[in-house]
Amino acid sequence: MARIDAFLKLGLTQNCSDIHLAVGVPPMLRMHGDLLPIKFRNLGAQEMESYVDEIMTDMQKQRFANGEDVDFSYVSEDNARYRVNLYRKATGVGATFRFIPTTVPTLESLNLPAAVRKVCDNHQGMVLVTGSTGTGKSTTLAAMIDYLNRHRNLNIISLEDPIEFVHQSQKAQIIQRELGTHLTSFSDGIRSALREDPDVILVGEMRDAETISMAMTAAETGHLVFGTLHTTGAVKTIDRIIDALPSDQREQSKAFLAQSLKAVLTQNLIKTPDGKGRRACLEIMIMTRAIANLIQSDQTHQVPSQLQTGADVGMQLMDQALLEAVQAKEADPDDAFRFASDKSIFQKFVTDTTILQRIDLQQETS
């Protein structure tokens, strides 16, 4: 058994989402959004390097020795699965382990809005799940792929970095390919997928212009493409795609978004009232003729007003999702207040009044 498994097992028994190991500090656990150190000595440089050396392949060791960050999946001795990121910092090696449940989540188990299921019923175009790191994008995408797997006869090609949830083909055939193991880049993976008779292509991360361009091509040619971006809202997502491509393709990008972008789902994970878990709150943009016109006329700043009034097609702003969760007693009001854009709506629900004082102080000094 790899020695690092002892830390992973401790994190698992504490119901943690992430385990952090780094030189110069004790191991830390992410519990319900909070990062907490465990009672252990500060990890030494040689100790830390020996830990990670035990779980890497020769190829991964070579890449890490060449100065690259390395992402891979790891299965511990007790068959728990983790997504691993190894990196170097000023004081030495660091590693983050994200626990991946063995059971693939469903839309129902995640309590996602009905609009998410309707989005999955598209037959072509692009659907983006966005949010900052650690907001559950991969989990939501896994649930969406699971829905398609159970309900439609499709060829689904999933390009991931690394493979997280492992799907068993049901009605659909699911082919999961891993960056660095089965493909050299996401753009090459999309290019290959287009020759493999796909119905659905999942792109783990649209991180560069070439990948975005290839994903757009796939969506325009009759495929349903799912992807992620590290953006925090529909407007920023639209602007990111337009700005990522060369300026001479700006009009072409706007035309693509207006015609082929089907939805943008932006996530935050909010603590539950008992503090023992987190639930997803989503801002949802569904492409309509009105939003398409706003994109093509460079008026994306007006998109939020369409989300606010588009409940009939399943749209909602993040603040609306947060408020609904607070009123249903499914979200901690203090945590919802921190994530809200219009904080005045949530002031009457806040239980920790020091939060309000800190906000007032920030406004006075800004």
Protein backbone atom coordinates (compact mmCIF):
# COMPACT_ATOMS: atom_id res chain seq x y z
CA MET A 1 0.00 0.00 0.00
CA ALA A 2 1.28 3.45 -0.91
CA ARG A 3 1.96 5.49 2.24
CA ILE A 4 -0.11 8.36 0.88
CA ASP A 5 -3.20 6.15 1.12
CA ALA A 6 -3.31 6.69 4.89
CA PHE A 7 -4.00 10.41 4.38
CA LEU A 8 -6.54 9.66 1.67
CA LYS A 9 -8.37 7.17 3.87
CA LEU A 10 -8.53 9.72 6.69
CA GLY A 11 -10.04 12.27 4.31
CA LEU A 12 -12.53 9.73 3.06
CA THR A 13 -13.72 8.80 6.55
CA GLN A 14 -14.19 12.50 7.32
CA ASN A 15 -16.34 12.92 4.18
CA CYS A 16 -13.89 15.40 2.63
CA SER A 17 -13.96 16.47 -1.01
CA ASP A 18 -10.22 17.20 -1.28
CA ILE A 19 -6.97 16.30 0.46
CA HIS A 20 -4.05 18.76 0.18
CA LEU A 21 -0.44 17.69 0.77
CA ALA A 22 2.43 20.15 0.42
CA VAL A 23 5.94 20.71 1.72
CA GLY A 24 6.18 22.94 4.80
CA VAL A 25 2.62 22.51 6.09
CA PRO A 26 0.60 19.64 7.60
CA PRO A 27 -1.89 17.76 5.42
CA MET A 28 -5.16 19.63 4.99
CA LEU A 29 -8.73 18.48 4.32
CA ARG A 30 -11.49 20.32 2.45
CA MET A 31 -14.65 19.76 4.47
CA HIS A 32 -17.90 21.28 3.15
CA GLY A 33 -15.96 24.12 1.54
CA ASP A 34 -13.60 24.87 4.44
CA LEU A 35 -9.89 23.96 4.41
CA LEU A 36 -8.78 22.46 7.74
CA PRO A 37 -5.33 21.14 8.81
CA ILE A 38 -5.08 17.75 10.46
CA LYS A 39 -2.94 17.09 13.56
CA PHE A 40 0.29 16.06 11.87
CA ARG A 41 3.79 17.45 11.45
CA ASN A 42 4.75 19.76 8.60
CA LEU A 43 5.68 17.63 5.59
CA GLY A 44 9.33 17.62 4.56
CA ALA A 45 10.63 17.94 1.00
CA GLN A 46 12.13 14.45 0.70
CA GLU A 47 9.16 12.92 2.51
CA MET A 48 6.66 14.53 0.14
CA GLU A 49 8.62 13.55 -2.98
CA SER A 50 8.80 9.94 -1.80
CA TYR A 51 5.03 9.89 -1.23
CA VAL A 52 4.12 11.00 -4.76
CA ASP A 53 6.89 8.91 -6.34
CA GLU A 54 5.07 5.78 -5.15
CA ILE A 55 1.89 6.52 -7.13
CA MET A 56 3.24 7.86 -10.46
CA THR A 57 3.96 5.95 -13.65
CA ASP A 58 7.37 6.29 -15.31
CA MET A 59 5.89 8.64 -17.93
CA GLN A 60 4.32 10.83 -15.25
CA LYS A 61 7.59 10.91 -13.32
CA GLN A 62 9.41 12.06 -16.44
CA ARG A 63 6.91 14.84 -17.13
CA PHE A 64 7.07 15.97 -13.50
CA ALA A 65 10.88 15.93 -13.57
CA ASN A 66 10.73 18.14 -16.68
CA GLY A 67 8.88 20.78 -14.69
CA GLU A 68 5.31 20.05 -15.82
CA ASP A 69 2.30 19.92 -13.53
CA VAL A 70 0.81 16.43 -13.79
CA ASP A 71 -2.89 15.50 -13.68
CA PHE A 72 -3.97 11.89 -13.41
CA SER A 73 -6.47 9.59 -11.73
CA TYR A 74 -5.41 7.36 -8.85
CA VAL A 75 -7.13 4.36 -7.28
CA SER A 76 -6.07 3.70 -3.68
CA GLU A 77 -5.62 0.32 -2.02
CA ASP A 78 -9.25 0.36 -0.81
CA ASN A 79 -10.50 1.10 -4.39
CA ALA A 80 -11.34 4.74 -3.75
CA ARG A 81 -10.79 6.89 -6.85
CA TYR A 82 -9.14 10.34 -6.89
CA ARG A 83 -8.29 13.06 -9.38
CA VAL A 84 -4.72 14.14 -8.66
CA ASN A 85 -2.84 17.33 -9.47
CA LEU A 86 0.90 17.39 -8.72
CA TYR A 87 2.77 20.68 -8.80
CA ARG A 88 5.90 22.41 -7.56
CA LYS A 89 5.92 25.58 -5.47
CA ALA A 90 8.62 27.71 -3.87
CA THR A 91 9.21 25.30 -0.98
CA GLY A 92 8.80 22.01 -2.86
CA VAL A 93 6.23 19.52 -4.11
CA GLY A 94 2.48 19.85 -3.56
CA ALA A 95 -0.45 17.60 -4.42
CA THR A 96 -4.23 17.92 -4.40
CA PHE A 97 -6.44 14.82 -4.35
CA ARG A 98 -10.13 15.20 -5.29
CA PHE A 99 -12.28 12.26 -4.21
CA ILE A 100 -14.43 10.84 -7.01
CA PRO A 101 -17.46 8.78 -5.88
CA THR A 102 -17.72 5.36 -7.49
CA THR A 103 -21.43 5.91 -8.15
CA VAL A 104 -22.14 8.17 -11.09
CA PRO A 105 -24.44 11.00 -9.92
CA THR A 106 -27.87 11.51 -11.45
CA LEU A 107 -29.71 14.75 -12.17
CA GLU A 108 -32.23 13.71 -9.53
CA SER A 109 -29.62 12.99 -6.83
CA LEU A 110 -28.04 16.40 -7.40
CA ASN A 111 -31.47 18.08 -7.21
CA LEU A 112 -30.77 20.04 -10.38
CA PRO A 113 -33.50 22.17 -12.00
CA ALA A 114 -35.74 20.60 -14.64
CA ALA A 115 -34.21 22.94 -17.23
CA VAL A 116 -30.94 20.97 -17.04
CA ARG A 117 -32.73 17.82 -18.22
CA LYS A 118 -34.36 19.74 -21.07
CA VAL A 119 -30.93 21.01 -22.12
CA CYS A 120 -29.78 17.38 -22.43
CA ASP A 121 -32.59 16.72 -24.90
CA ASN A 122 -30.91 18.88 -27.57
CA HIS A 123 -29.64 16.91 -30.55
CA GLN A 124 -26.94 19.34 -31.66
CA GLY A 125 -25.24 22.57 -30.63
CA MET A 126 -23.12 23.56 -27.64
CA VAL A 127 -23.92 23.40 -23.93
CA LEU A 128 -21.45 24.96 -21.48
CA VAL A 129 -21.16 24.29 -17.76
CA THR A 130 -19.14 27.07 -16.16
CA GLY A 131 -17.88 28.22 -12.78
CA SER A 132 -14.68 28.62 -10.85
CA THR A 133 -12.54 25.66 -9.75
CA GLY A 134 -14.25 23.36 -7.27
CA THR A 135 -17.85 24.30 -8.03
CA GLY A 136 -18.91 20.83 -9.19
CA LYS A 137 -18.82 21.27 -12.97
CA SER A 138 -17.49 17.75 -13.56
CA THR A 139 -20.17 16.27 -11.30
CA THR A 140 -22.97 18.06 -13.14
CA LEU A 141 -21.57 17.02 -16.52
CA ALA A 142 -21.32 13.41 -15.32
CA ALA A 143 -25.00 13.51 -14.34
CA MET A 144 -25.93 14.93 -17.74
CA ILE A 145 -23.98 12.20 -19.53
CA ASP A 146 -25.60 9.62 -17.25
CA TYR A 147 -29.04 10.93 -18.26
CA LEU A 148 -28.19 10.55 -21.96
CA ASN A 149 -26.69 7.11 -21.28
CA ARG A 150 -29.93 5.90 -19.70
CA HIS A 151 -32.38 7.45 -22.17
CA ARG A 152 -30.90 7.67 -25.69
CA ASN A 153 -29.10 5.40 -28.15
CA LEU A 154 -26.01 7.52 -28.75
CA ASN A 155 -22.28 7.32 -29.33
CA ILE A 156 -20.81 9.56 -26.61
CA ILE A 157 -17.11 10.43 -26.67
CA SER A 158 -15.81 12.00 -23.47
CA LEU A 159 -12.42 13.77 -23.48
CA GLU A 160 -11.21 14.30 -19.92
CA ASP A 161 -8.16 15.47 -17.93
CA PRO A 162 -8.12 13.06 -16.18
CA ILE A 163 -11.00 10.56 -16.37
CA GLU A 164 -13.08 11.04 -13.24
CA PHE A 165 -16.46 9.27 -13.05
CA VAL A 166 -16.34 5.95 -14.90
CA HIS A 167 -19.51 5.35 -16.94
CA GLN A 168 -20.83 1.93 -17.89
CA SER A 169 -22.53 1.96 -21.29
CA GLN A 170 -26.29 1.42 -21.07
CA LYS A 171 -28.49 2.62 -23.95
CA ALA A 172 -25.57 4.70 -25.18
CA GLN A 173 -22.01 3.70 -25.98
CA ILE A 174 -19.64 5.81 -23.88
CA ILE A 175 -15.99 6.11 -24.90
CA GLN A 176 -13.85 7.87 -22.29
CA ARG A 177 -10.43 9.16 -23.35
CA GLU A 178 -7.83 10.78 -21.11
CA LEU A 179 -5.49 13.66 -21.89
CA GLY A 180 -1.88 12.52 -21.71
CA THR A 181 -2.87 8.85 -21.88
CA HIS A 182 -5.05 8.51 -24.98
CA LEU A 183 -4.69 11.95 -26.59
CA THR A 184 -2.15 14.77 -26.66
CA SER A 185 -4.58 17.71 -26.48
CA PHE A 186 -8.29 18.43 -26.32
CA SER A 187 -8.24 19.89 -29.83
CA ASP A 188 -6.63 16.72 -31.22
CA GLY A 189 -9.19 14.68 -29.27
CA ILE A 190 -12.08 16.57 -30.89
CA ARG A 191 -10.48 16.20 -34.31
CA SER A 192 -10.21 12.44 -33.81
CA ALA A 193 -13.72 12.19 -32.33
CA LEU A 194 -15.22 13.72 -35.46
CA ARG A 195 -13.95 10.67 -37.38
CA GLU A 196 -15.48 8.24 -34.87
CA ASP A 197 -19.18 8.73 -35.70
CA PRO A 198 -20.06 10.66 -32.51
CA ASP A 199 -23.45 11.94 -31.48
CA VAL A 200 -22.18 13.68 -28.36
CA ILE A 201 -18.70 15.01 -27.55
CA LEU A 202 -17.75 16.11 -24.05
CA VAL A 203 -14.72 18.41 -23.84
CA GLY A 204 -13.36 18.40 -20.30
CA GLU A 205 -12.01 21.93 -20.54
CA MET A 206 -12.09 24.50 -23.35
CA ARG A 207 -8.85 26.14 -22.29
CA ASP A 208 -7.41 27.56 -25.53
CA ALA A 209 -8.47 29.08 -28.84
CA GLU A 210 -7.81 25.92 -30.88
CA THR A 211 -9.96 23.77 -28.59
CA ILE A 212 -12.77 26.35 -28.62
CA SER A 213 -12.61 26.57 -32.41
CA MET A 214 -12.70 22.77 -32.84
CA ALA A 215 -15.60 22.48 -30.38
CA MET A 216 -17.50 25.13 -32.34
CA THR A 217 -16.89 23.21 -35.56
CA ALA A 218 -18.23 20.02 -33.98
CA ALA A 219 -21.35 21.83 -32.73
CA GLU A 220 -21.96 23.41 -36.13
CA THR A 221 -21.71 20.10 -37.96
CA GLY A 222 -24.62 18.41 -36.22
CA HIS A 223 -23.12 17.16 -32.96
CA LEU A 224 -24.09 17.92 -29.37
CA VAL A 225 -21.02 19.30 -27.59
CA PHE A 226 -20.69 19.69 -23.83
CA GLY A 227 -17.82 21.74 -22.45
CA THR A 228 -16.58 23.70 -19.45
CA LEU A 229 -15.13 27.16 -18.99
CA HIS A 230 -13.80 28.84 -15.85
CA THR A 231 -16.21 31.75 -16.21
CA THR A 232 -18.68 33.04 -13.64
CA GLY A 233 -21.80 33.86 -15.61
CA ALA A 234 -23.46 33.75 -19.00
CA VAL A 235 -22.23 37.18 -20.11
CA LYS A 236 -18.61 36.45 -19.20
CA THR A 237 -18.87 33.08 -20.95
CA ILE A 238 -20.10 34.64 -24.19
CA ASP A 239 -17.44 37.34 -24.03
CA ARG A 240 -14.70 34.78 -23.30
CA ILE A 241 -15.52 32.78 -26.43
CA ILE A 242 -15.65 35.85 -28.62
CA ASP A 243 -12.39 37.25 -27.19
CA ALA A 244 -10.57 33.90 -27.36
CA LEU A 245 -10.62 33.80 -31.16
CA PRO A 246 -8.79 36.13 -33.59
CA SER A 247 -10.41 39.55 -34.07
CA ASP A 248 -11.10 38.83 -37.75
CA GLN A 249 -13.35 35.95 -36.62
CA ARG A 250 -15.41 38.09 -34.22
CA GLU A 251 -18.52 38.28 -36.42
CA GLN A 252 -18.28 34.58 -37.19
CA SER A 253 -18.05 33.81 -33.45
CA LYS A 254 -21.12 35.91 -32.68
CA ALA A 255 -23.05 34.17 -35.44
CA PHE A 256 -22.05 30.77 -34.05
CA LEU A 257 -23.14 31.67 -30.52
CA ALA A 258 -26.46 33.04 -31.72
CA GLN A 259 -27.20 29.91 -33.76
CA SER A 260 -25.48 27.01 -31.98
CA LEU A 261 -25.03 27.88 -28.30
CA LYS A 262 -27.96 26.16 -26.58
CA ALA A 263 -27.35 26.91 -22.92
CA VAL A 264 -24.89 28.19 -20.32
CA LEU A 265 -25.14 26.72 -16.81
CA THR A 266 -23.07 28.51 -14.16
CA GLN A 267 -22.59 26.82 -10.80
CA ASN A 268 -21.76 27.69 -7.23
CA LEU A 269 -21.70 25.23 -4.34
CA ILE A 270 -23.47 26.63 -1.27
CA LYS A 271 -23.33 25.18 2.23
CA THR A 272 -26.49 23.54 3.54
CA PRO A 273 -28.07 25.04 6.69
CA ASP A 274 -26.66 22.29 8.93
CA GLY A 275 -23.14 22.90 7.60
CA LYS A 276 -22.70 19.21 6.78
CA GLY A 277 -22.90 19.40 3.02
CA ARG A 278 -23.15 21.65 -0.03
CA ARG A 279 -25.70 21.95 -2.81
CA ALA A 280 -25.40 23.37 -6.30
CA CYS A 281 -27.11 26.64 -7.21
CA LEU A 282 -27.24 27.39 -10.92
CA GLU A 283 -27.58 30.44 -13.10
CA ILE A 284 -29.25 29.18 -16.28
CA MET A 285 -29.22 30.82 -19.70
CA ILE A 286 -31.25 29.16 -22.47
CA MET A 287 -30.66 30.56 -25.95
CA THR A 288 -33.68 32.47 -27.23
CA ARG A 289 -34.19 34.70 -30.23
CA ALA A 290 -33.95 37.76 -27.97
CA ILE A 291 -30.60 36.69 -26.51
CA ALA A 292 -29.30 35.77 -29.98
CA ASN A 293 -30.13 39.28 -31.15
CA LEU A 294 -28.32 40.79 -28.14
CA ILE A 295 -25.19 38.78 -28.94
CA GLN A 296 -25.15 39.79 -32.58
CA SER A 297 -25.72 43.46 -31.75
CA ASP A 298 -22.98 43.57 -29.07
CA GLN A 299 -25.47 44.13 -26.26
CA THR A 300 -24.58 41.17 -24.04
CA HIS A 301 -24.79 43.46 -20.99
CA GLN A 302 -28.58 43.15 -21.38
CA VAL A 303 -28.55 39.33 -21.14
CA PRO A 304 -29.09 39.28 -17.33
CA SER A 305 -32.46 41.00 -17.74
CA GLN A 306 -33.49 38.19 -20.11
CA LEU A 307 -32.45 35.60 -17.52
CA GLN A 308 -34.42 37.39 -14.82
CA THR A 309 -37.64 37.34 -16.82
CA GLY A 310 -37.15 34.00 -18.60
CA ALA A 311 -38.51 31.62 -15.97
CA ASP A 312 -41.05 30.25 -18.46
CA VAL A 313 -38.21 28.58 -20.40
CA GLY A 314 -36.20 27.64 -17.30
CA MET A 315 -33.86 30.62 -17.04
CA GLN A 316 -32.75 32.21 -13.79
CA LEU A 317 -30.08 34.48 -12.38
CA MET A 318 -27.70 33.18 -9.72
CA ASP A 319 -29.34 35.50 -7.16
CA GLN A 320 -32.74 33.99 -7.97
CA ALA A 321 -31.38 30.45 -7.49
CA LEU A 322 -29.73 31.44 -4.20
CA LEU A 323 -32.89 33.12 -2.90
CA GLU A 324 -35.05 30.12 -3.77
CA ALA A 325 -32.61 27.79 -1.97
CA VAL A 326 -32.52 30.01 1.13
CA GLN A 327 -36.31 30.31 1.29
CA ALA A 328 -36.62 26.52 0.93
CA LYS A 329 -34.10 26.15 3.80
CA GLU A 330 -31.78 24.21 1.49
CA ALA A 331 -28.90 26.72 1.64
CA ASP A 332 -27.11 28.49 4.47
CA PRO A 333 -28.21 32.15 4.25
CA ASP A 334 -24.79 33.46 5.30
CA ASP A 335 -23.04 31.49 2.56
CA ALA A 336 -25.67 32.54 0.01
CA PHE A 337 -25.07 36.17 1.01
CA ARG A 338 -21.36 35.79 0.23
CA PHE A 339 -22.08 34.53 -3.29
CA ALA A 340 -24.90 36.97 -4.10
CA SER A 341 -24.44 39.86 -6.53
CA ASP A 342 -27.25 41.98 -5.05
CA LYS A 343 -26.54 41.41 -1.36
CA SER A 344 -29.38 43.66 -0.21
CA ILE A 345 -31.88 40.90 -1.09
CA PHE A 346 -30.23 38.54 1.41
CA GLN A 347 -29.52 40.88 4.33
CA LYS A 348 -32.72 39.98 6.17
CA PHE A 349 -31.77 36.27 6.12
CA VAL A 350 -28.21 36.68 7.43
CA THR A 351 -27.57 35.18 10.87
CA ASP A 352 -23.92 36.25 11.28
CA THR A 353 -24.22 40.06 11.43
CA THR A 354 -20.43 40.48 11.35
CA ILE A 355 -20.66 39.66 7.63
CA LEU A 356 -22.76 42.78 7.09
CA GLN A 357 -20.25 44.86 9.05
CA ARG A 358 -17.38 43.59 6.90
CA ILE A 359 -19.29 44.39 3.72
CA ASP A 360 -20.04 47.92 4.98
CA LEU A 361 -16.36 48.40 5.81
CA GLN A 362 -15.28 47.24 2.36
CA GLN A 363 -17.71 49.67 0.71
CA GLU A 364 -16.39 52.57 2.84
CA THR A 365 -12.76 51.85 1.93
CA SER A 366 -13.35 51.17 -1.76
